[in-house]
Protein backbone atom coordinates (compact mmCIF):
# COMPACT_ATOMS: atom_id res chain seq x y z
CA UNK A 1 -0.01 -0.01 -0.04
CA UNK A 2 1.90 3.52 -1.06
CA UNK A 3 1.16 6.12 1.39
CA UNK A 4 1.71 10.04 1.71
CA UNK A 5 2.14 12.20 4.59
CA UNK A 6 0.84 15.52 5.16
CA UNK A 7 2.75 17.70 6.79
CA UNK A 8 6.35 17.24 8.20
CA UNK A 9 6.05 17.90 12.18
CA UNK A 10 7.61 15.62 14.93
CA UNK A 11 4.78 12.63 14.19
CA UNK A 12 5.83 12.13 10.94
CA UNK A 13 8.47 10.18 12.23
CA UNK A 14 7.13 7.92 13.90
CA UNK A 15 4.74 7.43 10.53
CA UNK A 16 7.27 6.58 8.69
CA UNK A 17 9.13 4.15 11.04
CA UNK A 18 5.97 2.31 11.14
CA UNK A 19 5.08 1.99 7.19
CA UNK A 20 9.01 1.19 6.77
CA UNK A 21 8.61 -1.72 9.16
CA UNK A 22 5.44 -2.78 7.45
CA UNK A 23 5.54 -5.57 4.94
CA UNK A 24 3.45 -4.22 2.50
CA UNK A 25 3.75 -0.36 3.39
CA UNK A 26 5.30 2.15 1.03
CA UNK A 27 5.65 5.45 1.72
CA UNK A 28 6.13 7.26 -1.63
CA UNK A 29 5.24 11.06 -0.84
CA UNK A 30 5.62 14.00 1.59
CA UNK A 31 3.08 17.39 1.57
CA UNK A 32 4.07 20.72 3.45
CA UNK A 33 3.01 24.13 3.41
CA UNK A 34 7.02 24.85 3.99
CA UNK A 35 9.23 23.62 1.36
CA UNK A 36 12.88 24.12 3.50
CA UNK A 37 11.22 22.01 5.98
CA UNK A 38 10.40 19.30 3.37
CA UNK A 39 13.49 19.29 1.68
CA UNK A 40 15.28 19.03 5.17
CA UNK A 41 12.87 16.02 5.88
CA UNK A 42 13.14 14.27 2.89
CA UNK A 43 17.13 14.38 3.23
CA UNK A 44 16.82 12.90 6.54
CA UNK A 45 14.22 10.17 6.30
CA UNK A 46 14.30 9.18 2.38
CA UNK A 47 16.57 6.29 1.44
CA UNK A 48 17.88 5.29 -1.88
CA UNK A 49 15.50 2.36 -2.39
CA UNK A 50 12.54 4.03 -1.61
CA UNK A 51 12.48 7.62 -3.16
CA UNK A 52 9.77 10.08 -1.39
CA UNK A 53 8.38 12.40 -3.57
CA UNK A 54 7.98 15.65 -2.32
CA UNK A 55 4.19 17.77 -2.73
CA UNK A 56 4.12 21.74 -1.75
CA UNK A 57 0.72 22.76 -0.82
CA UNK A 58 -0.83 25.90 0.36
CA UNK A 59 -1.85 26.43 3.95
CA UNK A 60 -5.92 27.19 2.32
CA UNK A 61 -5.44 23.58 0.57
CA UNK A 62 -3.97 21.68 3.51
CA UNK A 63 -7.11 23.06 5.56
CA UNK A 64 -9.54 21.99 3.01
CA UNK A 65 -8.08 18.64 2.91
CA UNK A 66 -7.98 18.18 6.76
CA UNK A 67 -11.39 19.67 6.68
CA UNK A 68 -12.94 16.99 3.72
CA UNK A 69 -11.12 13.90 5.99
CA UNK A 70 -12.79 15.21 8.72
CA UNK A 71 -16.20 15.32 7.62
CA UNK A 72 -15.99 11.78 5.84
CA UNK A 73 -14.27 10.40 9.52
């Protein structure tokens, strides 16, 4: 299963580790409102075998995605 993470906060370290330890998961994308933070995250946590893509999203889009998620769940 392919995973993408919204944000680059501390919890993403735990999510990344859990995804890597799973037998079926693969982290393929990270989205952030801050390009510098996302690049730092990718440089620290991406590896040669698994290239993580970066997607920049605006603050408005980030909030919209969260609102949609919480309305569905």
